[in-house]
Amino acid sequence: KSALAASEQRFRDLYNLTPAMLLSFGRDWRVIGVSDDWLSVMG
């Protein structure tokens, strides 16, 4: 892996594995990311 790819993976893991209901969306109000905790709670 390149340094950039490794950094992106660390960020993705940090976001996805944070024990909080995180949801990110774009300017068009469409979901671009959710944490594993959000998925678990919401089903």
PDB file of all heavy atoms in Angstrom:
ATOM      1  N   LYS A   1       0.834  -1.203   0.000  1.00  0.00           N
ATOM      2  CA  LYS A   1       0.000   0.000   0.000  1.00  0.00           C
ATOM      3  C   LYS A   1       0.865   1.248   0.000  1.00  0.00           C
ATOM      4  O   LYS A   1       1.889   1.304   0.662  1.00  0.00           O
ATOM      5  CB  LYS A   1      -0.882   0.047   1.242  1.00  0.00           C
ATOM      6  CG  LYS A   1      -2.096  -0.802   1.191  1.00  0.00           C
ATOM      7  CD  LYS A   1      -2.955  -0.506   2.394  1.00  0.00           C
ATOM      8  CE  LYS A   1      -4.243  -1.270   2.339  1.00  0.00           C
ATOM      9  NZ  LYS A   1      -5.086  -0.966   3.467  1.00  0.00           N
ATOM     10  N   SER A   2       0.380   2.244  -0.724  1.00  0.00           N
ATOM     11  CA  SER A   2       1.053   3.536  -0.667  1.00  0.00           C
ATOM     12  C   SER A   2       0.731   4.208   0.667  1.00  0.00           C
ATOM     13  O   SER A   2      -0.205   3.808   1.367  1.00  0.00           O
ATOM     14  CB  SER A   2       0.579   4.422  -1.816  1.00  0.00           C
ATOM     15  OG  SER A   2      -0.755   4.837  -1.589  1.00  0.00           O
ATOM     16  N   ALA A   3       1.499   5.214   1.005  1.00  0.00           N
ATOM     17  CA  ALA A   3       1.253   5.950   2.254  1.00  0.00           C
ATOM     18  C   ALA A   3      -0.135   6.574   2.233  1.00  0.00           C
ATOM     19  O   ALA A   3      -0.837   6.583   3.248  1.00  0.00           O
ATOM     20  CB  ALA A   3       2.336   7.007   2.459  1.00  0.00           C
ATOM     21  N   LEU A   4      -0.549   7.098   1.078  1.00  0.00           N
ATOM     22  CA  LEU A   4      -1.871   7.711   0.975  1.00  0.00           C
ATOM     23  C   LEU A   4      -2.973   6.675   1.182  1.00  0.00           C
ATOM     24  O   LEU A   4      -3.928   6.905   1.920  1.00  0.00           O
ATOM     25  CB  LEU A   4      -2.041   8.402  -0.380  1.00  0.00           C
ATOM     26  CG  LEU A   4      -3.408   9.031  -0.637  1.00  0.00           C
ATOM     27  CD1 LEU A   4      -3.731  10.087   0.422  1.00  0.00           C
ATOM     28  CD2 LEU A   4      -3.460   9.632  -2.030  1.00  0.00           C
ATOM     29  N   ALA A   5      -2.830   5.517   0.548  1.00  0.00           N
ATOM     30  CA  ALA A   5      -3.841   4.462   0.698  1.00  0.00           C
ATOM     31  C   ALA A   5      -3.909   3.990   2.150  1.00  0.00           C
ATOM     32  O   ALA A   5      -4.997   3.758   2.684  1.00  0.00           O
ATOM     33  CB  ALA A   5      -3.535   3.297  -0.234  1.00  0.00           C
ATOM     34  N   ALA A   6      -2.767   3.871   2.798  1.00  0.00           N
ATOM     35  CA  ALA A   6      -2.740   3.451   4.205  1.00  0.00           C
ATOM     36  C   ALA A   6      -3.406   4.490   5.089  1.00  0.00           C
ATOM     37  O   ALA A   6      -4.162   4.159   6.008  1.00  0.00           O
ATOM     38  CB  ALA A   6      -1.306   3.199   4.650  1.00  0.00           C
ATOM     39  N   SER A   7      -3.150   5.761   4.808  1.00  0.00           N
ATOM     40  CA  SER A   7      -3.768   6.847   5.576  1.00  0.00           C
ATOM     41  C   SER A   7      -5.279   6.857   5.379  1.00  0.00           C
ATOM     42  O   SER A   7      -6.039   7.021   6.333  1.00  0.00           O
ATOM     43  CB  SER A   7      -3.168   8.189   5.155  1.00  0.00           C
ATOM     44  OG  SER A   7      -3.792   9.248   5.826  1.00  0.00           O
ATOM     45  N   GLU A   8      -5.725   6.682   4.146  1.00  0.00           N
ATOM     46  CA  GLU A   8      -7.160   6.630   3.863  1.00  0.00           C
ATOM     47  C   GLU A   8      -7.818   5.462   4.588  1.00  0.00           C
ATOM     48  O   GLU A   8      -8.915   5.599   5.126  1.00  0.00           O
ATOM     49  CB  GLU A   8      -7.404   6.525   2.357  1.00  0.00           C
ATOM     50  CG  GLU A   8      -7.094   7.796   1.612  1.00  0.00           C
ATOM     51  CD  GLU A   8      -7.192   7.637   0.100  1.00  0.00           C
ATOM     52  OE1 GLU A   8      -7.225   6.489  -0.401  1.00  0.00           O
ATOM     53  OE2 GLU A   8      -7.213   8.667  -0.583  1.00  0.00           O
ATOM     54  N   GLN A   9      -7.161   4.325   4.635  1.00  0.00           N
ATOM     55  CA  GLN A   9      -7.708   3.158   5.323  1.00  0.00           C
ATOM     56  C   GLN A   9      -7.804   3.414   6.822  1.00  0.00           C
ATOM     57  O   GLN A   9      -8.793   3.058   7.456  1.00  0.00           O
ATOM     58  CB  GLN A   9      -6.864   1.909   5.054  1.00  0.00           C
ATOM     59  CG  GLN A   9      -7.467   0.656   5.643  1.00  0.00           C
ATOM     60  CD  GLN A   9      -8.831   0.325   5.049  1.00  0.00           C
ATOM     61  OE1 GLN A   9      -8.984   0.271   3.832  1.00  0.00           O
ATOM     62  NE2 GLN A   9      -9.828   0.121   5.901  1.00  0.00           N
ATOM     63  N   ARG A  10      -6.794   4.059   7.404  1.00  0.00           N
ATOM     64  CA  ARG A  10      -6.846   4.382   8.832  1.00  0.00           C
ATOM     65  C   ARG A  10      -8.016   5.313   9.132  1.00  0.00           C
ATOM     66  O   ARG A  10      -8.740   5.131  10.103  1.00  0.00           O
ATOM     67  CB  ARG A  10      -5.531   5.024   9.299  1.00  0.00           C
ATOM     68  CG  ARG A  10      -4.426   4.031   9.563  1.00  0.00           C
ATOM     69  CD  ARG A  10      -3.238   4.656  10.273  1.00  0.00           C
ATOM     70  NE  ARG A  10      -2.666   5.805   9.595  1.00  0.00           N
ATOM     71  CZ  ARG A  10      -1.760   5.748   8.612  1.00  0.00           C
ATOM     72  NH1 ARG A  10      -1.314   4.579   8.208  1.00  0.00           N
ATOM     73  NH2 ARG A  10      -1.303   6.843   8.068  1.00  0.00           N
ATOM     74  N   PHE A  11      -8.210   6.333   8.285  1.00  0.00           N
ATOM     75  CA  PHE A  11      -9.328   7.259   8.470  1.00  0.00           C
ATOM     76  C   PHE A  11     -10.663   6.522   8.347  1.00  0.00           C
ATOM     77  O   PHE A  11     -11.561   6.695   9.167  1.00  0.00           O
ATOM     78  CB  PHE A  11      -9.271   8.399   7.458  1.00  0.00           C
ATOM     79  CG  PHE A  11     -10.471   9.284   7.522  1.00  0.00           C
ATOM     80  CD1 PHE A  11     -10.592  10.249   8.505  1.00  0.00           C
ATOM     81  CD2 PHE A  11     -11.510   9.137   6.609  1.00  0.00           C
ATOM     82  CE1 PHE A  11     -11.722  11.051   8.583  1.00  0.00           C
ATOM     83  CE2 PHE A  11     -12.641   9.940   6.674  1.00  0.00           C
ATOM     84  CZ  PHE A  11     -12.739  10.897   7.668  1.00  0.00           C
ATOM     85  N   ARG A  12     -10.791   5.668   7.332  1.00  0.00           N
ATOM     86  CA  ARG A  12     -12.026   4.917   7.120  1.00  0.00           C
ATOM     87  C   ARG A  12     -12.304   4.013   8.325  1.00  0.00           C
ATOM     88  O   ARG A  12     -13.425   3.943   8.820  1.00  0.00           O
ATOM     89  CB  ARG A  12     -11.916   4.095   5.831  1.00  0.00           C
ATOM     90  CG  ARG A  12     -13.189   3.512   5.339  1.00  0.00           C
ATOM     91  CD  ARG A  12     -13.112   2.878   3.944  1.00  0.00           C
ATOM     92  NE  ARG A  12     -11.831   2.690   3.331  1.00  0.00           N
ATOM     93  CZ  ARG A  12     -11.242   3.551   2.502  1.00  0.00           C
ATOM     94  NH1 ARG A  12     -11.835   4.678   2.193  1.00  0.00           N
ATOM     95  NH2 ARG A  12     -10.062   3.289   1.978  1.00  0.00           N
ATOM     96  N   ASP A  13     -11.270   3.333   8.820  1.00  0.00           N
ATOM     97  CA  ASP A  13     -11.439   2.472   9.999  1.00  0.00           C
ATOM     98  C   ASP A  13     -11.835   3.284  11.226  1.00  0.00           C
ATOM     99  O   ASP A  13     -12.712   2.874  11.992  1.00  0.00           O
ATOM    100  CB  ASP A  13     -10.156   1.690  10.289  1.00  0.00           C
ATOM    101  CG  ASP A  13      -9.879   0.604   9.268  1.00  0.00           C
ATOM    102  OD1 ASP A  13     -10.791   0.250   8.483  1.00  0.00           O
ATOM    103  OD2 ASP A  13      -8.735   0.110   9.246  1.00  0.00           O
ATOM    104  N   LEU A  14     -11.188   4.425  11.434  1.00  0.00           N
ATOM    105  CA  LEU A  14     -11.509   5.282  12.571  1.00  0.00           C
ATOM    106  C   LEU A  14     -12.973   5.706  12.516  1.00  0.00           C
ATOM    107  O   LEU A  14     -13.701   5.630  13.500  1.00  0.00           O
ATOM    108  CB  LEU A  14     -10.598   6.504  12.599  1.00  0.00           C
ATOM    109  CG  LEU A  14     -10.865   7.532  13.686  1.00  0.00           C
ATOM    110  CD1 LEU A  14     -10.627   6.919  15.063  1.00  0.00           C
ATOM    111  CD2 LEU A  14      -9.971   8.750  13.493  1.00  0.00           C
ATOM    112  N   TYR A  15     -13.418   6.151  11.354  1.00  0.00           N
ATOM    113  CA  TYR A  15     -14.809   6.582  11.175  1.00  0.00           C
ATOM    114  C   TYR A  15     -15.767   5.411  11.381  1.00  0.00           C
ATOM    115  O   TYR A  15     -16.712   5.491  12.176  1.00  0.00           O
ATOM    116  CB  TYR A  15     -14.982   7.176   9.772  1.00  0.00           C
ATOM    117  CG  TYR A  15     -16.359   7.735   9.513  1.00  0.00           C
ATOM    118  CD1 TYR A  15     -16.636   9.068   9.767  1.00  0.00           C
ATOM    119  CD2 TYR A  15     -17.373   6.946   8.993  1.00  0.00           C
ATOM    120  CE1 TYR A  15     -17.904   9.594   9.526  1.00  0.00           C
ATOM    121  CE2 TYR A  15     -18.635   7.461   8.753  1.00  0.00           C
ATOM    122  CZ  TYR A  15     -18.898   8.780   9.022  1.00  0.00           C
ATOM    123  OH  TYR A  15     -20.146   9.294   8.780  1.00  0.00           O
ATOM    124  N   ASN A  16     -15.529   4.308  10.677  1.00  0.00           N
ATOM    125  CA  ASN A  16     -16.457   3.178  10.719  1.00  0.00           C
ATOM    126  C   ASN A  16     -16.515   2.512  12.088  1.00  0.00           C
ATOM    127  O   ASN A  16     -17.572   2.042  12.494  1.00  0.00           O
ATOM    128  CB  ASN A  16     -16.086   2.140   9.660  1.00  0.00           C
ATOM    129  CG  ASN A  16     -16.392   2.617   8.257  1.00  0.00           C
ATOM    130  OD1 ASN A  16     -17.180   3.527   8.050  1.00  0.00           O
ATOM    131  ND2 ASN A  16     -15.743   2.017   7.286  1.00  0.00           N
ATOM    132  N   LEU A  17     -15.406   2.461  12.787  1.00  0.00           N
ATOM    133  CA  LEU A  17     -15.340   1.721  14.045  1.00  0.00           C
ATOM    134  C   LEU A  17     -15.571   2.576  15.277  1.00  0.00           C
ATOM    135  O   LEU A  17     -15.607   2.049  16.398  1.00  0.00           O
ATOM    136  CB  LEU A  17     -13.993   0.993  14.142  1.00  0.00           C
ATOM    137  CG  LEU A  17     -13.731  -0.015  13.020  1.00  0.00           C
ATOM    138  CD1 LEU A  17     -12.328  -0.576  13.132  1.00  0.00           C
ATOM    139  CD2 LEU A  17     -14.767  -1.123  12.999  1.00  0.00           C
ATOM    140  N   THR A  18     -15.744   3.878  15.119  1.00  0.00           N
ATOM    141  CA  THR A  18     -16.031   4.740  16.261  1.00  0.00           C
ATOM    142  C   THR A  18     -17.352   4.314  16.890  1.00  0.00           C
ATOM    143  O   THR A  18     -18.351   4.149  16.191  1.00  0.00           O
ATOM    144  CB  THR A  18     -16.121   6.211  15.818  1.00  0.00           C
ATOM    145  OG1 THR A  18     -14.828   6.625  15.369  1.00  0.00           O
ATOM    146  CG2 THR A  18     -16.573   7.119  16.935  1.00  0.00           C
ATOM    147  N   PRO A  19     -17.389   4.125  18.207  1.00  0.00           N
ATOM    148  CA  PRO A  19     -18.625   3.663  18.858  1.00  0.00           C
ATOM    149  C   PRO A  19     -19.625   4.806  19.039  1.00  0.00           C
ATOM    150  O   PRO A  19     -19.979   5.198  20.138  1.00  0.00           O
ATOM    151  CB  PRO A  19     -18.129   3.113  20.200  1.00  0.00           C
ATOM    152  CG  PRO A  19     -16.901   3.901  20.484  1.00  0.00           C
ATOM    153  CD  PRO A  19     -16.276   4.195  19.145  1.00  0.00           C
ATOM    154  N   ALA A  20     -20.062   5.347  17.907  1.00  0.00           N
ATOM    155  CA  ALA A  20     -21.049   6.434  17.885  1.00  0.00           C
ATOM    156  C   ALA A  20     -21.814   6.329  16.576  1.00  0.00           C
ATOM    157  O   ALA A  20     -21.312   5.795  15.589  1.00  0.00           O
ATOM    158  CB  ALA A  20     -20.360   7.790  17.985  1.00  0.00           C
ATOM    159  N   MET A  21     -23.017   6.853  16.579  1.00  0.00           N
ATOM    160  CA  MET A  21     -23.846   6.822  15.372  1.00  0.00           C
ATOM    161  C   MET A  21     -23.471   7.986  14.461  1.00  0.00           C
ATOM    162  O   MET A  21     -24.052   9.059  14.521  1.00  0.00           O
ATOM    163  CB  MET A  21     -25.322   6.862  15.746  1.00  0.00           C
ATOM    164  CG  MET A  21     -25.796   5.610  16.432  1.00  0.00           C
ATOM    165  SD  MET A  21     -27.545   5.656  16.830  1.00  0.00           S
ATOM    166  CE  MET A  21     -28.293   5.725  15.203  1.00  0.00           C
ATOM    167  N   LEU A  22     -22.481   7.750  13.599  1.00  0.00           N
ATOM    168  CA  LEU A  22     -22.018   8.781  12.670  1.00  0.00           C
ATOM    169  C   LEU A  22     -22.671   8.586  11.317  1.00  0.00           C
ATOM    170  O   LEU A  22     -22.766   7.470  10.812  1.00  0.00           O
ATOM    171  CB  LEU A  22     -20.498   8.700  12.510  1.00  0.00           C
ATOM    172  CG  LEU A  22     -19.663   8.803  13.773  1.00  0.00           C
ATOM    173  CD1 LEU A  22     -18.187   8.650  13.436  1.00  0.00           C
ATOM    174  CD2 LEU A  22     -19.931  10.101  14.499  1.00  0.00           C
ATOM    175  N   LEU A  23     -23.117   9.692  10.728  1.00  0.00           N
ATOM    176  CA  LEU A  23     -23.693   9.687   9.393  1.00  0.00           C
ATOM    177  C   LEU A  23     -23.204  10.939   8.692  1.00  0.00           C
ATOM    178  O   LEU A  23     -23.307  12.036   9.246  1.00  0.00           O
ATOM    179  CB  LEU A  23     -25.223   9.673   9.464  1.00  0.00           C
ATOM    180  CG  LEU A  23     -25.935   9.679   8.121  1.00  0.00           C
ATOM    181  CD1 LEU A  23     -27.104   8.705   8.155  1.00  0.00           C
ATOM    182  CD2 LEU A  23     -26.429  11.059   7.769  1.00  0.00           C
ATOM    183  N   SER A  24     -22.643  10.779   7.518  1.00  0.00           N
ATOM    184  CA  SER A  24     -22.155  11.919   6.738  1.00  0.00           C
ATOM    185  C   SER A  24     -22.938  11.986   5.434  1.00  0.00           C
ATOM    186  O   SER A  24     -23.298  10.959   4.855  1.00  0.00           O
ATOM    187  CB  SER A  24     -20.666  11.746   6.412  1.00  0.00           C
ATOM    188  OG  SER A  24     -19.904  11.661   7.584  1.00  0.00           O
ATOM    189  N   PHE A  25     -23.191  13.209   4.988  1.00  0.00           N
ATOM    190  CA  PHE A  25     -23.940  13.376   3.751  1.00  0.00           C
ATOM    191  C   PHE A  25     -23.349  14.510   2.943  1.00  0.00           C
ATOM    192  O   PHE A  25     -22.672  15.383   3.459  1.00  0.00           O
ATOM    193  CB  PHE A  25     -25.430  13.621   4.014  1.00  0.00           C
ATOM    194  CG  PHE A  25     -25.703  14.733   4.989  1.00  0.00           C
ATOM    195  CD1 PHE A  25     -25.866  16.036   4.545  1.00  0.00           C
ATOM    196  CD2 PHE A  25     -25.795  14.486   6.350  1.00  0.00           C
ATOM    197  CE1 PHE A  25     -26.117  17.067   5.439  1.00  0.00           C
ATOM    198  CE2 PHE A  25     -26.045  15.497   7.256  1.00  0.00           C
ATOM    199  CZ  PHE A  25     -26.203  16.794   6.795  1.00  0.00           C
ATOM    200  N   GLY A  26     -23.618  14.481   1.644  1.00  0.00           N
ATOM    201  CA  GLY A  26     -23.125  15.505   0.733  1.00  0.00           C
ATOM    202  C   GLY A  26     -24.087  16.670   0.618  1.00  0.00           C
ATOM    203  O   GLY A  26     -25.148  16.693   1.251  1.00  0.00           O
ATOM    204  N   ARG A  27     -23.728  17.615  -0.224  1.00  0.00           N
ATOM    205  CA  ARG A  27     -24.559  18.811  -0.414  1.00  0.00           C
ATOM    206  C   ARG A  27     -25.933  18.479  -0.986  1.00  0.00           C
ATOM    207  O   ARG A  27     -26.860  19.260  -0.866  1.00  0.00           O
ATOM    208  CB  ARG A  27     -23.846  19.817  -1.313  1.00  0.00           C
ATOM    209  CG  ARG A  27     -22.616  20.393  -0.613  1.00  0.00           C
ATOM    210  CD  ARG A  27     -22.125  21.682  -1.204  1.00  0.00           C
ATOM    211  NE  ARG A  27     -23.102  22.697  -1.489  1.00  0.00           N
ATOM    212  CZ  ARG A  27     -23.608  23.563  -0.598  1.00  0.00           C
ATOM    213  NH1 ARG A  27     -23.250  23.496   0.657  1.00  0.00           N
ATOM    214  NH2 ARG A  27     -24.458  24.476  -0.981  1.00  0.00           N
ATOM    215  N   ASP A  28     -26.063  17.329  -1.596  1.00  0.00           N
ATOM    216  CA  ASP A  28     -27.354  16.905  -2.148  1.00  0.00           C
ATOM    217  C   ASP A  28     -28.173  16.105  -1.139  1.00  0.00           C
ATOM    218  O   ASP A  28     -29.189  15.522  -1.482  1.00  0.00           O
ATOM    219  CB  ASP A  28     -27.143  16.086  -3.422  1.00  0.00           C
ATOM    220  CG  ASP A  28     -26.360  14.802  -3.178  1.00  0.00           C
ATOM    221  OD1 ASP A  28     -25.880  14.571  -2.041  1.00  0.00           O
ATOM    222  OD2 ASP A  28     -26.211  14.029  -4.146  1.00  0.00           O
ATOM    223  N   TRP A  29     -27.719  16.077   0.111  1.00  0.00           N
ATOM    224  CA  TRP A  29     -28.391  15.401   1.224  1.00  0.00           C
ATOM    225  C   TRP A  29     -28.387  13.883   1.093  1.00  0.00           C
ATOM    226  O   TRP A  29     -29.165  13.197   1.718  1.00  0.00           O
ATOM    227  CB  TRP A  29     -29.825  15.920   1.416  1.00  0.00           C
ATOM    228  CG  TRP A  29     -29.889  17.403   1.506  1.00  0.00           C
ATOM    229  CD1 TRP A  29     -30.402  18.258   0.585  1.00  0.00           C
ATOM    230  CD2 TRP A  29     -29.390  18.229   2.560  1.00  0.00           C
ATOM    231  NE1 TRP A  29     -30.261  19.558   0.996  1.00  0.00           N
ATOM    232  CE2 TRP A  29     -29.633  19.571   2.215  1.00  0.00           C
ATOM    233  CE3 TRP A  29     -28.752  17.970   3.767  1.00  0.00           C
ATOM    234  CZ2 TRP A  29     -29.283  20.639   3.019  1.00  0.00           C
ATOM    235  CZ3 TRP A  29     -28.392  19.043   4.579  1.00  0.00           C
ATOM    236  CH2 TRP A  29     -28.664  20.350   4.189  1.00  0.00           C
ATOM    237  N   ARG A  30     -27.486  13.355   0.281  1.00  0.00           N
ATOM    238  CA  ARG A  30     -27.372  11.907   0.119  1.00  0.00           C
ATOM    239  C   ARG A  30     -26.240  11.389   0.996  1.00  0.00           C
ATOM    240  O   ARG A  30     -25.193  12.017   1.121  1.00  0.00           O
ATOM    241  CB  ARG A  30     -27.149  11.536  -1.336  1.00  0.00           C
ATOM    242  CG  ARG A  30     -28.318  12.014  -2.188  1.00  0.00           C
ATOM    243  CD  ARG A  30     -28.574  11.145  -3.391  1.00  0.00           C
ATOM    244  NE  ARG A  30     -29.819  11.567  -4.019  1.00  0.00           N
ATOM    245  CZ  ARG A  30     -31.015  11.043  -3.736  1.00  0.00           C
ATOM    246  NH1 ARG A  30     -31.122  10.067  -2.870  1.00  0.00           N
ATOM    247  NH2 ARG A  30     -32.103  11.478  -4.328  1.00  0.00           N
ATOM    248  N   VAL A  31     -26.474  10.243   1.607  1.00  0.00           N
ATOM    249  CA  VAL A  31     -25.519   9.659   2.548  1.00  0.00           C
ATOM    250  C   VAL A  31     -24.249   9.233   1.816  1.00  0.00           C
ATOM    251  O   VAL A  31     -24.310   8.542   0.792  1.00  0.00           O
ATOM    252  CB  VAL A  31     -26.143   8.446   3.272  1.00  0.00           C
ATOM    253  CG1 VAL A  31     -25.135   7.785   4.202  1.00  0.00           C
ATOM    254  CG2 VAL A  31     -27.396   8.868   4.037  1.00  0.00           C
ATOM    255  N   ILE A  32     -23.113   9.665   2.363  1.00  0.00           N
ATOM    256  CA  ILE A  32     -21.822   9.272   1.804  1.00  0.00           C
ATOM    257  C   ILE A  32     -21.018   8.402   2.775  1.00  0.00           C
ATOM    258  O   ILE A  32     -20.022   7.804   2.385  1.00  0.00           O
ATOM    259  CB  ILE A  32     -20.990  10.494   1.364  1.00  0.00           C
ATOM    260  CG1 ILE A  32     -20.741  11.444   2.523  1.00  0.00           C
ATOM    261  CG2 ILE A  32     -21.671  11.210   0.197  1.00  0.00           C
ATOM    262  CD1 ILE A  32     -19.813  12.612   2.198  1.00  0.00           C
ATOM    263  N   GLY A  33     -21.462   8.323   4.026  1.00  0.00           N
ATOM    264  CA  GLY A  33     -20.773   7.479   4.988  1.00  0.00           C
ATOM    265  C   GLY A  33     -21.581   7.280   6.250  1.00  0.00           C
ATOM    266  O   GLY A  33     -22.318   8.173   6.657  1.00  0.00           O
ATOM    267  N   VAL A  34     -21.458   6.097   6.834  1.00  0.00           N
ATOM    268  CA  VAL A  34     -22.084   5.789   8.119  1.00  0.00           C
ATOM    269  C   VAL A  34     -21.137   4.899   8.906  1.00  0.00           C
ATOM    270  O   VAL A  34     -20.400   4.100   8.344  1.00  0.00           O
ATOM    271  CB  VAL A  34     -23.451   5.081   7.972  1.00  0.00           C
ATOM    272  CG1 VAL A  34     -24.499   5.998   7.396  1.00  0.00           C
ATOM    273  CG2 VAL A  34     -23.348   3.825   7.147  1.00  0.00           C
ATOM    274  N   SER A  35     -21.188   5.036  10.219  1.00  0.00           N
ATOM    275  CA  SER A  35     -20.358   4.192  11.074  1.00  0.00           C
ATOM    276  C   SER A  35     -21.016   2.835  11.274  1.00  0.00           C
ATOM    277  O   SER A  35     -22.233   2.668  11.075  1.00  0.00           O
ATOM    278  CB  SER A  35     -20.142   4.867  12.427  1.00  0.00           C
ATOM    279  OG  SER A  35     -21.363   4.987  13.124  1.00  0.00           O
ATOM    280  N   ASP A  36     -20.203   1.867  11.676  1.00  0.00           N
ATOM    281  CA  ASP A  36     -20.740   0.535  11.966  1.00  0.00           C
ATOM    282  C   ASP A  36     -21.784   0.604  13.077  1.00  0.00           C
ATOM    283  O   ASP A  36     -22.769  -0.135  13.045  1.00  0.00           O
ATOM    284  CB  ASP A  36     -19.609  -0.406  12.380  1.00  0.00           C
ATOM    285  CG  ASP A  36     -18.644  -0.720  11.237  1.00  0.00           C
ATOM    286  OD1 ASP A  36     -18.937  -0.362  10.071  1.00  0.00           O
ATOM    287  OD2 ASP A  36     -17.596  -1.322  11.519  1.00  0.00           O
ATOM    288  N   ASP A  37     -21.575   1.488  14.056  1.00  0.00           N
ATOM    289  CA  ASP A  37     -22.529   1.634  15.153  1.00  0.00           C
ATOM    290  C   ASP A  37     -23.880   2.114  14.624  1.00  0.00           C
ATOM    291  O   ASP A  37     -24.929   1.605  15.027  1.00  0.00           O
ATOM    292  CB  ASP A  37     -21.974   2.607  16.202  1.00  0.00           C
ATOM    293  CG  ASP A  37     -22.701   2.521  17.526  1.00  0.00           C
ATOM    294  OD1 ASP A  37     -22.824   1.409  18.069  1.00  0.00           O
ATOM    295  OD2 ASP A  37     -23.150   3.575  18.013  1.00  0.00           O
ATOM    296  N   TRP A  38     -23.887   3.076  13.718  1.00  0.00           N
ATOM    297  CA  TRP A  38     -25.126   3.565  13.106  1.00  0.00           C
ATOM    298  C   TRP A  38     -25.843   2.405  12.418  1.00  0.00           C
ATOM    299  O   TRP A  38     -27.057   2.217  12.582  1.00  0.00           O
ATOM    300  CB  TRP A  38     -24.826   4.688  12.114  1.00  0.00           C
ATOM    301  CG  TRP A  38     -26.039   5.407  11.613  1.00  0.00           C
ATOM    302  CD1 TRP A  38     -26.553   6.570  12.082  1.00  0.00           C
ATOM    303  CD2 TRP A  38     -26.900   5.007  10.531  1.00  0.00           C
ATOM    304  NE1 TRP A  38     -27.682   6.916  11.374  1.00  0.00           N
ATOM    305  CE2 TRP A  38     -27.912   5.970  10.414  1.00  0.00           C
ATOM    306  CE3 TRP A  38     -26.915   3.929   9.656  1.00  0.00           C
ATOM    307  CZ2 TRP A  38     -28.925   5.896   9.463  1.00  0.00           C
ATOM    308  CZ3 TRP A  38     -27.925   3.839   8.711  1.00  0.00           C
ATOM    309  CH2 TRP A  38     -28.915   4.817   8.619  1.00  0.00           C
ATOM    310  N   LEU A  39     -25.098   1.623  11.653  1.00  0.00           N
ATOM    311  CA  LEU A  39     -25.694   0.491  10.944  1.00  0.00           C
ATOM    312  C   LEU A  39     -26.291  -0.520  11.904  1.00  0.00           C
ATOM    313  O   LEU A  39     -27.404  -1.016  11.686  1.00  0.00           O
ATOM    314  CB  LEU A  39     -24.636  -0.184  10.061  1.00  0.00           C
ATOM    315  CG  LEU A  39     -24.112   0.658   8.898  1.00  0.00           C
ATOM    316  CD1 LEU A  39     -22.901  -0.012   8.269  1.00  0.00           C
ATOM    317  CD2 LEU A  39     -25.194   0.919   7.865  1.00  0.00           C
ATOM    318  N   SER A  40     -25.579  -0.807  12.971  1.00  0.00           N
ATOM    319  CA  SER A  40     -26.055  -1.776  13.954  1.00  0.00           C
ATOM    320  C   SER A  40     -27.341  -1.312  14.625  1.00  0.00           C
ATOM    321  O   SER A  40     -28.316  -2.068  14.730  1.00  0.00           O
ATOM    322  CB  SER A  40     -24.967  -2.015  15.003  1.00  0.00           C
ATOM    323  OG  SER A  40     -25.424  -2.883  16.002  1.00  0.00           O
ATOM    324  N   VAL A  41     -27.372  -0.077  15.063  1.00  0.00           N
ATOM    325  CA  VAL A  41     -28.554   0.456  15.750  1.00  0.00           C
ATOM    326  C   VAL A  41     -29.746   0.555  14.796  1.00  0.00           C
ATOM    327  O   VAL A  41     -30.877   0.215  15.152  1.00  0.00           O
ATOM    328  CB  VAL A  41     -28.244   1.838  16.384  1.00  0.00           C
ATOM    329  CG1 VAL A  41     -29.507   2.527  16.858  1.00  0.00           C
ATOM    330  CG2 VAL A  41     -27.241   1.689  17.531  1.00  0.00           C
ATOM    331  N   MET A  42     -29.483   0.998  13.578  1.00  0.00           N
ATOM    332  CA  MET A  42     -30.570   1.226  12.624  1.00  0.00           C
ATOM    333  C   MET A  42     -30.992  -0.041  11.872  1.00  0.00           C
ATOM    334  O   MET A  42     -32.054  -0.076  11.256  1.00  0.00           O
ATOM    335  CB  MET A  42     -30.168   2.315  11.626  1.00  0.00           C
ATOM    336  CG  MET A  42     -29.926   3.676  12.272  1.00  0.00           C
ATOM    337  SD  MET A  42     -31.404   4.379  13.026  1.00  0.00           S
ATOM    338  CE  MET A  42     -32.325   4.850  11.562  1.00  0.00           C
ATOM    339  N   GLY A  43     -30.152  -1.070  11.886  1.00  0.00           N
ATOM    340  CA  GLY A  43     -30.516  -2.335  11.257  1.00  0.00           C
ATOM    341  C   GLY A  43     -30.334  -2.385   9.753  1.00  0.00           C
ATOM    342  O   GLY A  43     -31.061  -3.114   9.067  1.00  0.00           O
TER     343      GLY A  43
END
